[in-house]
Amino acid sequence: MTQGHTISTHAENVTVEVRLDGDVVAESERPILLEETGLPTAYYLPKSDLVAEARPIELSTHCPFKGDASYWTIDAGGRTHDAIAWSYEQPKEGAEEIEGHVAFFADRAEITVDGTPI
């Protein structure tokens, strides 16, 4: 890891709800929070807590700290939300806890934690 750059993950006992155009697409009481230097907290939800169908797309990016990210598209609110969420199918050491989880872009989705918008 780059000097001064840290990643930490932990389970949190909170309820995270994700809405797209007003439609609930995910709700979880078992999120994994990922804290990374210089970035806001990311809430990773188990894929089994998705209410809407998420379709993988042919887009990937690489993070030197977490690994290769896959992206997901969801239809909600009468629209297609391309690459609205991402996951790390084989995360690097130090981020293993987010395997099997998906996170949403907070600037494109309505995310609440225990009813409070993030």
C-alpha atoms as a PDB file:
ATOM      1  CA  MET A   1       0.000   0.000   0.000  1.00  0.00           C
ATOM      2  CA  THR A   2       1.172   3.529  -0.657  1.00  0.00           C
ATOM      3  CA  GLN A   3       2.649   5.158   2.409  1.00  0.00           C
ATOM      4  CA  GLY A   4      -0.118   6.961   4.283  1.00  0.00           C
ATOM      5  CA  HIS A   5      -2.891   5.225   2.326  1.00  0.00           C
ATOM      6  CA  THR A   6      -5.083   2.939   4.404  1.00  0.00           C
ATOM      7  CA  ILE A   7      -8.129   0.761   3.897  1.00  0.00           C
ATOM      8  CA  SER A   8     -10.188  -0.728   6.675  1.00  0.00           C
ATOM      9  CA  THR A   9     -13.423  -2.682   6.642  1.00  0.00           C
ATOM     10  CA  HIS A  10     -15.875  -3.565   9.365  1.00  0.00           C
ATOM     11  CA  ALA A  11     -19.432  -4.779   9.752  1.00  0.00           C
ATOM     12  CA  GLU A  12     -21.828  -2.228  11.175  1.00  0.00           C
ATOM     13  CA  ASN A  13     -25.201  -2.739  12.860  1.00  0.00           C
ATOM     14  CA  VAL A  14     -27.150  -0.192  10.791  1.00  0.00           C
ATOM     15  CA  THR A  15     -29.844  -0.311   8.129  1.00  0.00           C
ATOM     16  CA  VAL A  16     -28.772   0.914   4.699  1.00  0.00           C
ATOM     17  CA  GLU A  17     -31.413   1.599   2.062  1.00  0.00           C
ATOM     18  CA  VAL A  18     -30.693   2.463  -1.566  1.00  0.00           C
ATOM     19  CA  ARG A  19     -33.266   4.084  -3.837  1.00  0.00           C
ATOM     20  CA  LEU A  20     -33.088   4.961  -7.519  1.00  0.00           C
ATOM     21  CA  ASP A  21     -35.708   7.426  -8.734  1.00  0.00           C
ATOM     22  CA  GLY A  22     -37.693   6.657  -5.580  1.00  0.00           C
ATOM     23  CA  ASP A  23     -37.670   2.859  -6.020  1.00  0.00           C
ATOM     24  CA  VAL A  24     -36.000   0.786  -3.300  1.00  0.00           C
ATOM     25  CA  VAL A  25     -33.336  -1.333  -5.017  1.00  0.00           C
ATOM     26  CA  ALA A  26     -31.429  -2.571  -1.951  1.00  0.00           C
ATOM     27  CA  GLU A  27     -31.920  -2.752   1.788  1.00  0.00           C
ATOM     28  CA  SER A  28     -29.530  -4.325   4.242  1.00  0.00           C
ATOM     29  CA  GLU A  29     -29.021  -4.648   7.969  1.00  0.00           C
ATOM     30  CA  ARG A  30     -25.595  -6.221   7.419  1.00  0.00           C
ATOM     31  CA  PRO A  31     -23.446  -3.769   5.482  1.00  0.00           C
ATOM     32  CA  ILE A  32     -19.678  -3.766   5.405  1.00  0.00           C
ATOM     33  CA  LEU A  33     -18.243  -0.261   5.687  1.00  0.00           C
ATOM     34  CA  LEU A  34     -15.045   0.462   3.826  1.00  0.00           C
ATOM     35  CA  GLU A  35     -12.968   3.403   5.006  1.00  0.00           C
ATOM     36  CA  GLU A  36     -10.255   4.524   2.598  1.00  0.00           C
ATOM     37  CA  THR A  37      -7.866   7.432   2.857  1.00  0.00           C
ATOM     38  CA  GLY A  38      -9.235  10.483   1.043  1.00  0.00           C
ATOM     39  CA  LEU A  39     -12.620   8.944   0.183  1.00  0.00           C
ATOM     40  CA  PRO A  40     -16.032   8.975   1.856  1.00  0.00           C
ATOM     41  CA  THR A  41     -17.171   5.800   3.598  1.00  0.00           C
ATOM     42  CA  ALA A  42     -18.455   3.221   1.109  1.00  0.00           C
ATOM     43  CA  TYR A  43     -21.343   0.986   2.191  1.00  0.00           C
ATOM     44  CA  TYR A  44     -21.033  -2.493   0.711  1.00  0.00           C
ATOM     45  CA  LEU A  45     -24.249  -4.520   0.830  1.00  0.00           C
ATOM     46  CA  PRO A  46     -24.534  -8.286   0.388  1.00  0.00           C
ATOM     47  CA  LYS A  47     -25.704  -9.015  -3.156  1.00  0.00           C
ATOM     48  CA  SER A  48     -28.501 -11.105  -1.630  1.00  0.00           C
ATOM     49  CA  ASP A  49     -29.932  -7.867  -0.147  1.00  0.00           C
ATOM     50  CA  LEU A  50     -30.571  -6.348  -3.575  1.00  0.00           C
ATOM     51  CA  VAL A  51     -34.297  -5.988  -4.225  1.00  0.00           C
ATOM     52  CA  ALA A  52     -33.853  -5.106  -7.904  1.00  0.00           C
ATOM     53  CA  GLU A  53     -32.063  -7.183 -10.493  1.00  0.00           C
ATOM     54  CA  ALA A  54     -28.509  -5.998 -11.067  1.00  0.00           C
ATOM     55  CA  ARG A  55     -26.983  -6.832 -14.438  1.00  0.00           C
ATOM     56  CA  PRO A  56     -23.218  -7.002 -14.854  1.00  0.00           C
ATOM     57  CA  ILE A  57     -21.819  -4.908 -17.684  1.00  0.00           C
ATOM     58  CA  GLU A  58     -18.555  -5.099 -19.591  1.00  0.00           C
ATOM     59  CA  LEU A  59     -16.801  -2.394 -17.648  1.00  0.00           C
ATOM     60  CA  SER A  60     -14.029  -2.860 -15.151  1.00  0.00           C
ATOM     61  CA  THR A  61     -11.471  -0.705 -13.424  1.00  0.00           C
ATOM     62  CA  HIS A  62      -8.439  -1.478 -11.319  1.00  0.00           C
ATOM     63  CA  CYS A  63      -7.704  -0.158  -7.852  1.00  0.00           C
ATOM     64  CA  PRO A  64      -4.185  -0.859  -6.606  1.00  0.00           C
ATOM     65  CA  PHE A  65      -5.573  -1.220  -3.073  1.00  0.00           C
ATOM     66  CA  LYS A  66      -8.793  -3.224  -3.587  1.00  0.00           C
ATOM     67  CA  GLY A  67      -8.324  -5.032  -6.914  1.00  0.00           C
ATOM     68  CA  ASP A  68     -10.457  -5.194 -10.063  1.00  0.00           C
ATOM     69  CA  ALA A  69     -13.929  -3.673  -9.850  1.00  0.00           C
ATOM     70  CA  SER A  70     -16.922  -4.969 -11.828  1.00  0.00           C
ATOM     71  CA  TYR A  71     -19.876  -2.700 -12.557  1.00  0.00           C
ATOM     72  CA  TRP A  72     -23.624  -3.291 -12.456  1.00  0.00           C
ATOM     73  CA  THR A  73     -26.652  -1.719 -14.142  1.00  0.00           C
ATOM     74  CA  ILE A  74     -30.123  -1.591 -12.580  1.00  0.00           C
ATOM     75  CA  ASP A  75     -33.503  -0.621 -14.048  1.00  0.00           C
ATOM     76  CA  ALA A  76     -35.586   1.459 -11.622  1.00  0.00           C
ATOM     77  CA  GLY A  77     -38.009   4.358 -11.747  1.00  0.00           C
ATOM     78  CA  GLY A  78     -38.620   3.735 -15.426  1.00  0.00           C
ATOM     79  CA  ARG A  79     -34.947   4.332 -16.283  1.00  0.00           C
ATOM     80  CA  THR A  80     -31.806   2.303 -16.800  1.00  0.00           C
ATOM     81  CA  HIS A  81     -29.060   3.277 -14.350  1.00  0.00           C
ATOM     82  CA  ASP A  82     -25.864   2.222 -16.109  1.00  0.00           C
ATOM     83  CA  ALA A  83     -22.870   1.357 -13.950  1.00  0.00           C
ATOM     84  CA  ILE A  84     -24.706   2.535 -10.825  1.00  0.00           C
ATOM     85  CA  ALA A  85     -22.977   0.024  -8.573  1.00  0.00           C
ATOM     86  CA  TRP A  86     -19.691  -1.833  -8.329  1.00  0.00           C
ATOM     87  CA  SER A  87     -18.204  -4.851  -6.632  1.00  0.00           C
ATOM     88  CA  TYR A  88     -14.854  -6.542  -6.158  1.00  0.00           C
ATOM     89  CA  GLU A  89     -15.280 -10.216  -6.997  1.00  0.00           C
ATOM     90  CA  GLN A  90     -11.750 -11.083  -5.849  1.00  0.00           C
ATOM     91  CA  PRO A  91     -10.606  -8.244  -3.601  1.00  0.00           C
ATOM     92  CA  LYS A  92      -6.996  -7.854  -2.587  1.00  0.00           C
ATOM     93  CA  GLU A  93      -5.666  -8.675   0.853  1.00  0.00           C
ATOM     94  CA  GLY A  94      -7.034  -6.217   3.365  1.00  0.00           C
ATOM     95  CA  ALA A  95     -10.354  -5.826   1.537  1.00  0.00           C
ATOM     96  CA  GLU A  96     -11.531  -9.462   1.598  1.00  0.00           C
ATOM     97  CA  GLU A  97     -14.582  -8.583   3.687  1.00  0.00           C
ATOM     98  CA  ILE A  98     -16.277  -6.850   0.711  1.00  0.00           C
ATOM     99  CA  GLU A  99     -16.247  -9.992  -1.464  1.00  0.00           C
ATOM    100  CA  GLY A 100     -19.833 -10.858  -2.459  1.00  0.00           C
ATOM    101  CA  HIS A 101     -20.980  -7.301  -1.752  1.00  0.00           C
ATOM    102  CA  VAL A 102     -21.977  -4.359  -3.926  1.00  0.00           C
ATOM    103  CA  ALA A 103     -21.679  -0.602  -3.355  1.00  0.00           C
ATOM    104  CA  PHE A 104     -23.569   2.259  -4.993  1.00  0.00           C
ATOM    105  CA  PHE A 105     -22.421   5.662  -6.186  1.00  0.00           C
ATOM    106  CA  ALA A 106     -23.693   8.034  -3.492  1.00  0.00           C
ATOM    107  CA  ASP A 107     -23.856  10.945  -5.937  1.00  0.00           C
ATOM    108  CA  ARG A 108     -26.197   8.989  -8.259  1.00  0.00           C
ATOM    109  CA  ALA A 109     -28.311   6.977  -5.803  1.00  0.00           C
ATOM    110  CA  GLU A 110     -30.344   7.970  -2.755  1.00  0.00           C
ATOM    111  CA  ILE A 111     -28.618   6.182   0.134  1.00  0.00           C
ATOM    112  CA  THR A 112     -29.791   6.367   3.734  1.00  0.00           C
ATOM    113  CA  VAL A 113     -28.233   4.935   6.874  1.00  0.00           C
ATOM    114  CA  ASP A 114     -30.786   4.398   9.632  1.00  0.00           C
ATOM    115  CA  GLY A 115     -33.042   6.838   7.757  1.00  0.00           C
ATOM    116  CA  THR A 116     -30.426   9.605   7.426  1.00  0.00           C
ATOM    117  CA  PRO A 117     -29.230  10.500   3.902  1.00  0.00           C
ATOM    118  CA  ILE A 118     -25.507  10.208   3.301  1.00  0.00           C
END
